[in-house]
C-alpha cells in the first residue's frame, strides 16, 4: 500500500528487500510520526471487546475492577486463508500463530538470559511498517508485584499512542484459555501527519511469569493485514503444564 504520510517509517534499519531473521532487538519506544518509531513494550499480553470511553487513559491510582468478564478472545478466524504459512511461536508458556506472508519475524532477542520475546512487523509495499506485534514474558518486578493485571494494564495503556490525540479507549478483563488477562485498546491520531492507529494491549499472569502483548495497527491498513492481526490475536493460548 502507498501513502507515506499515513504510515510509520521503519525504525529498525531493516532492509525490507532482505528480510532474513536476525537477532535485532527492538528498542522500547513510543510511536510518534515525528520520530517514526514503532512501539515495543515492557511486560504484558492480550484479546476481545469492551466499553468505549472518550477520555485519555489515566496513569494514576484509578483502576478498573478486577472482575473477569468470562469472555474469551475471539477464536482464530475459521475462514482465514494465510498469505504465507501459518507459523506457531511459543514464548515460555504462551503461544500464538502468525501469518509469515504478512508479518516478518525480526528475530528473537535475549531477555533476562532467556529467549522470551517476539517482535513481528508488517511492511507496506513502499517498505514502511504499518503494523507490529510485540510479545514478551518476564519475571515479576517492583512494577508488577502486588498489583492486579487490571491496574498494571490500565497504566500501560497511556504509554502507547500515535501523535497527541487519544480519540477513544476500551478496557476489560478477558480469558485466554483459563487465564485472566487485561485487554485494552487505545485509538489515537496525529492530524498534522494524517496518522491514525489502534493499539491492542494485553497483560496477564500465568504461573510465576507475567506476559505482555502489544500490537500497533495503522487504521488504513489493507483488509488482509487487519485479518492477519485478528488471526494472531485469536490464536493466543497458554500451556497449562508445569509452570517454569
Protein backbone atom coordinates (compact mmCIF):
# COMPACT_ATOMS: atom_id res chain seq x y z
CA UNK A 1 0.00 0.00 0.00
CA UNK A 2 1.10 3.55 -0.60
CA UNK A 3 0.81 6.88 1.14
CA UNK A 4 3.93 7.72 3.09
CA UNK A 5 2.13 10.31 5.17
CA UNK A 6 -0.14 7.59 6.54
CA UNK A 7 2.48 5.08 7.56
CA UNK A 8 5.20 4.80 10.14
CA UNK A 9 8.69 4.51 8.77
CA UNK A 10 10.92 1.53 9.51
CA UNK A 11 12.55 2.21 12.90
CA UNK A 12 14.84 -0.81 12.84
CA UNK A 13 17.02 -0.03 9.86
CA UNK A 14 15.91 -3.33 8.30
CA UNK A 15 16.05 -3.53 4.55
CA UNK A 16 12.64 -4.97 3.59
CA UNK A 17 14.19 -6.45 0.47
CA UNK A 18 16.47 -8.70 2.54
CA UNK A 19 14.17 -9.88 5.28
CA UNK A 20 16.10 -12.72 6.82
CA UNK A 21 15.65 -13.47 10.50
CA UNK A 22 18.15 -11.61 12.65
CA UNK A 23 18.88 -11.03 16.29
CA UNK A 24 17.78 -7.41 16.09
CA UNK A 25 16.46 -6.25 19.44
CA UNK A 26 13.78 -3.55 19.20
CA UNK A 27 14.42 -0.60 21.46
CA UNK A 28 11.44 0.23 23.71
CA UNK A 29 9.90 3.45 22.44
CA UNK A 30 6.61 5.20 21.82
CA UNK A 31 5.33 5.58 18.30
CA UNK A 32 5.17 9.15 17.08
CA UNK A 33 5.09 10.34 13.49
CA UNK A 34 7.94 12.72 14.25
CA UNK A 35 10.35 10.00 15.39
CA UNK A 36 8.89 7.43 13.02
CA UNK A 37 9.20 4.68 15.60
CA UNK A 38 7.11 1.59 16.15
CA UNK A 39 6.34 0.52 19.69
CA UNK A 40 7.75 -2.17 21.83
CA UNK A 41 6.86 -2.59 25.48
CA UNK A 42 7.96 -3.74 28.88
CA UNK A 43 5.90 -6.63 30.32
CA UNK A 44 2.23 -7.57 29.06
CA UNK A 45 -0.39 -9.91 26.99
CA UNK A 46 -3.94 -9.62 25.07
CA UNK A 47 -7.63 -10.15 23.02
CA UNK A 48 -11.60 -9.14 22.98
CA UNK A 49 -14.04 -6.22 23.19
CA UNK A 50 -15.08 -3.80 25.92
CA UNK A 51 -16.70 -0.50 26.84
CA UNK A 52 -15.69 2.55 24.87
CA UNK A 53 -14.59 5.75 26.56
CA UNK A 54 -13.57 9.02 25.03
CA UNK A 55 -11.15 10.18 27.70
CA UNK A 56 -7.38 9.74 27.59
CA UNK A 57 -6.35 6.72 29.68
CA UNK A 58 -5.26 7.73 33.16
CA UNK A 59 -1.99 6.65 34.69
CA UNK A 60 -2.61 7.17 38.38
CA UNK A 61 -4.49 5.41 41.13
CA UNK A 62 -7.77 4.77 39.34
CA UNK A 63 -8.11 1.14 38.42
CA UNK A 64 -10.86 -0.88 36.86
CA UNK A 65 -12.24 -3.67 38.97
CA UNK A 66 -10.51 -6.98 38.52
CA UNK A 67 -13.73 -8.86 37.98
CA UNK A 68 -13.38 -11.09 34.98
CA UNK A 69 -16.00 -10.97 32.31
CA UNK A 70 -15.95 -14.58 31.24
CA UNK A 71 -15.31 -13.57 27.67
CA UNK A 72 -12.70 -15.35 25.66
CA UNK A 73 -10.62 -13.94 22.86
CA UNK A 74 -12.32 -14.42 19.53
CA UNK A 75 -11.10 -17.68 18.01
CA UNK A 76 -8.74 -17.50 15.09
CA UNK A 77 -10.96 -16.93 12.04
CA UNK A 78 -12.00 -20.32 10.71
CA UNK A 79 -12.15 -18.99 7.16
CA UNK A 80 -8.81 -17.16 7.31
CA UNK A 81 -6.59 -18.06 4.37
CA UNK A 82 -2.94 -17.25 5.13
CA UNK A 83 -0.99 -15.29 2.55
CA UNK A 84 2.10 -17.28 3.51
CA UNK A 85 2.48 -20.09 6.03
CA UNK A 86 0.74 -20.11 9.42
CA UNK A 87 3.59 -20.18 11.93
CA UNK A 88 3.31 -21.13 15.60
CA UNK A 89 5.55 -19.36 18.08
CA UNK A 90 5.94 -20.11 21.79
CA UNK A 91 7.30 -17.84 24.50
CA UNK A 92 7.63 -19.85 27.71
CA UNK A 93 4.02 -20.99 28.31
CA UNK A 94 2.41 -18.54 25.87
CA UNK A 95 1.74 -19.44 22.23
CA UNK A 96 0.37 -17.67 19.20
CA UNK A 97 0.09 -18.15 15.45
CA UNK A 98 1.06 -15.63 12.79
CA UNK A 99 0.96 -15.49 9.00
CA UNK A 100 4.55 -15.24 7.78
CA UNK A 101 3.28 -13.89 4.48
CA UNK A 102 2.03 -10.76 6.29
CA UNK A 103 4.25 -10.43 9.37
CA UNK A 104 8.04 -10.63 9.32
CA UNK A 105 9.80 -12.02 12.40
CA UNK A 106 12.73 -9.70 13.07
CA UNK A 107 14.41 -12.23 15.35
CA UNK A 108 14.30 -13.18 19.00
CA UNK A 109 16.14 -11.02 21.48
CA UNK A 110 17.84 -12.21 24.64
CA UNK A 111 15.86 -11.02 27.64
CA UNK A 112 16.79 -11.99 31.21
CA UNK A 113 19.03 -14.75 29.84
CA UNK A 114 16.16 -16.42 28.04
CA UNK A 115 14.73 -16.20 24.55
CA UNK A 116 11.33 -14.90 25.51
CA UNK A 117 10.48 -12.01 23.23
CA UNK A 118 8.86 -11.99 19.79
CA UNK A 119 8.81 -8.96 17.50
CA UNK A 120 6.76 -9.09 14.29
CA UNK A 121 6.35 -6.32 11.73
CA UNK A 122 4.34 -5.83 8.55
CA UNK A 123 5.93 -3.90 5.69
CA UNK A 124 3.84 -1.96 3.21
CA UNK A 125 4.78 -2.05 -0.47
CA UNK A 126 6.95 1.03 -0.03
CA UNK A 127 8.95 -0.56 2.79
CA UNK A 128 7.31 1.15 5.73
CA UNK A 129 5.97 -0.55 8.85
CA UNK A 130 2.21 -0.23 9.28
CA UNK A 131 1.57 -2.94 11.89
CA UNK A 132 3.64 -4.65 14.55
CA UNK A 133 3.16 -7.23 17.30
CA UNK A 134 5.41 -7.50 20.35
CA UNK A 135 5.00 -10.37 22.83
CA UNK A 136 7.10 -10.81 25.97
CA UNK A 137 7.47 -12.90 29.09
CA UNK A 138 9.30 -11.78 32.23
CA UNK A 139 9.59 -12.29 35.96
CA UNK A 140 7.65 -10.21 38.45
CA UNK A 141 9.40 -6.98 39.45
CA UNK A 142 8.76 -3.85 41.50
CA UNK A 143 6.38 -2.55 38.84
CA UNK A 144 4.13 -5.62 38.93
CA UNK A 145 4.35 -7.27 42.36
CA UNK A 146 1.25 -6.82 44.49
CA UNK A 147 -0.77 -5.24 41.69
CA UNK A 148 -3.64 -6.70 39.70
CA UNK A 149 -3.29 -7.24 35.98
CA UNK A 150 -6.09 -4.68 35.53
CA UNK A 151 -4.14 -2.00 37.41
CA UNK A 152 -0.94 -2.67 35.51
CA UNK A 153 -2.64 -2.96 32.14
CA UNK A 154 -4.57 0.26 32.58
CA UNK A 155 -1.38 2.13 33.42
CA UNK A 156 0.36 0.70 30.37
CA UNK A 157 -2.46 1.94 28.14
CA UNK A 158 -1.27 5.52 28.50
CA UNK A 159 2.15 4.69 27.05
CA UNK A 160 1.04 3.63 23.59
CA UNK A 161 -0.30 6.30 21.28
CA UNK A 162 0.36 7.76 17.86
CA UNK A 163 0.53 11.55 17.92
CA UNK A 164 -1.14 13.70 20.57
CA UNK A 165 -4.82 12.85 20.16
CA UNK A 166 -6.35 9.98 22.13
CA UNK A 167 -9.67 9.52 20.37
CA UNK A 168 -11.07 6.64 22.42
CA UNK A 169 -10.06 3.73 24.59
CA UNK A 170 -11.54 0.49 25.87
CA UNK A 171 -10.65 -1.77 28.78
CA UNK A 172 -11.91 -5.12 30.03
CA UNK A 173 -10.94 -8.39 31.64
CA UNK A 174 -10.91 -11.38 29.31
CA UNK A 175 -9.92 -15.02 29.36
CA UNK A 176 -7.07 -16.50 27.36
CA UNK A 177 -7.85 -20.15 27.90
CA UNK A 178 -8.34 -20.32 31.66
CA UNK A 179 -6.02 -17.39 32.37
CA UNK A 180 -7.38 -13.97 33.34
CA UNK A 181 -5.97 -11.17 31.21
CA UNK A 182 -6.40 -7.42 30.96
CA UNK A 183 -7.26 -6.22 27.46
CA UNK A 184 -7.24 -2.58 26.45
CA UNK A 185 -7.30 -0.64 23.21
CA UNK A 186 -6.24 2.92 22.51
CA UNK A 187 -7.28 4.70 19.31
CA UNK A 188 -5.09 7.70 18.65
CA UNK A 189 -4.18 10.04 15.83
CA UNK A 190 -1.98 12.87 14.66
CA UNK A 191 -3.87 15.26 12.41
CA UNK A 192 -0.77 17.03 11.13
CA UNK A 193 0.58 13.81 9.67
CA UNK A 194 -2.75 12.13 8.85
CA UNK A 195 -1.82 9.16 11.02
CA UNK A 196 -4.42 7.17 12.97
CA UNK A 197 -3.82 3.87 14.72
CA UNK A 198 -5.15 1.39 17.25
CA UNK A 199 -3.04 -0.16 19.98
CA UNK A 200 -4.11 -3.54 21.39
CA UNK A 201 -2.68 -4.13 24.87
CA UNK A 202 -2.78 -7.40 26.85
CA UNK A 203 -1.32 -8.16 30.24
CA UNK A 204 -1.57 -11.49 32.09
CA UNK A 205 -0.04 -13.62 34.81
CA UNK A 206 0.47 -17.30 34.21
CA UNK A 207 2.36 -19.46 36.67
CA UNK A 208 5.22 -17.41 38.06
CA UNK A 209 5.62 -15.17 35.00
CA UNK A 210 3.97 -12.07 33.60
CA UNK A 211 3.15 -11.76 29.91
CA UNK A 212 2.66 -8.74 27.68
CA UNK A 213 1.42 -8.38 24.14
CA UNK A 214 1.26 -5.01 22.39
CA UNK A 215 0.03 -4.68 18.82
CA UNK A 216 0.10 -1.43 16.83
CA UNK A 217 -2.06 -1.27 13.72
CA UNK A 218 -2.48 1.76 11.48
CA UNK A 219 -6.14 2.26 10.64
CA UNK A 220 -5.56 2.49 6.88
CA UNK A 221 -4.06 -0.99 6.57
CA UNK A 222 -5.33 -3.28 3.86
CA UNK A 223 -8.03 -5.74 4.90
CA UNK A 224 -5.60 -8.65 4.54
CA UNK A 225 -3.31 -7.13 7.17
CA UNK A 226 -6.21 -6.49 9.55
CA UNK A 227 -7.39 -10.09 9.10
CA UNK A 228 -3.86 -11.35 9.79
CA UNK A 229 -3.77 -9.37 13.05
CA UNK A 230 -7.17 -10.76 14.08
CA UNK A 231 -5.89 -14.25 13.26
CA UNK A 232 -2.91 -13.80 15.58
CA UNK A 233 -4.88 -12.27 18.44
CA UNK A 234 -7.47 -15.00 18.15
CA UNK A 235 -4.84 -17.73 18.33
CA UNK A 236 -3.32 -16.82 21.71
CA UNK A 237 -3.15 -19.59 24.30
CA UNK A 238 -1.36 -20.68 27.46
CA UNK A 239 0.16 -24.06 28.19
CA UNK A 240 -1.25 -25.35 31.47
CA UNK A 241 1.55 -27.85 32.09
CA UNK A 242 4.01 -27.41 34.95
CA UNK A 243 4.99 -23.74 35.06
CA UNK A 244 8.58 -22.62 34.90
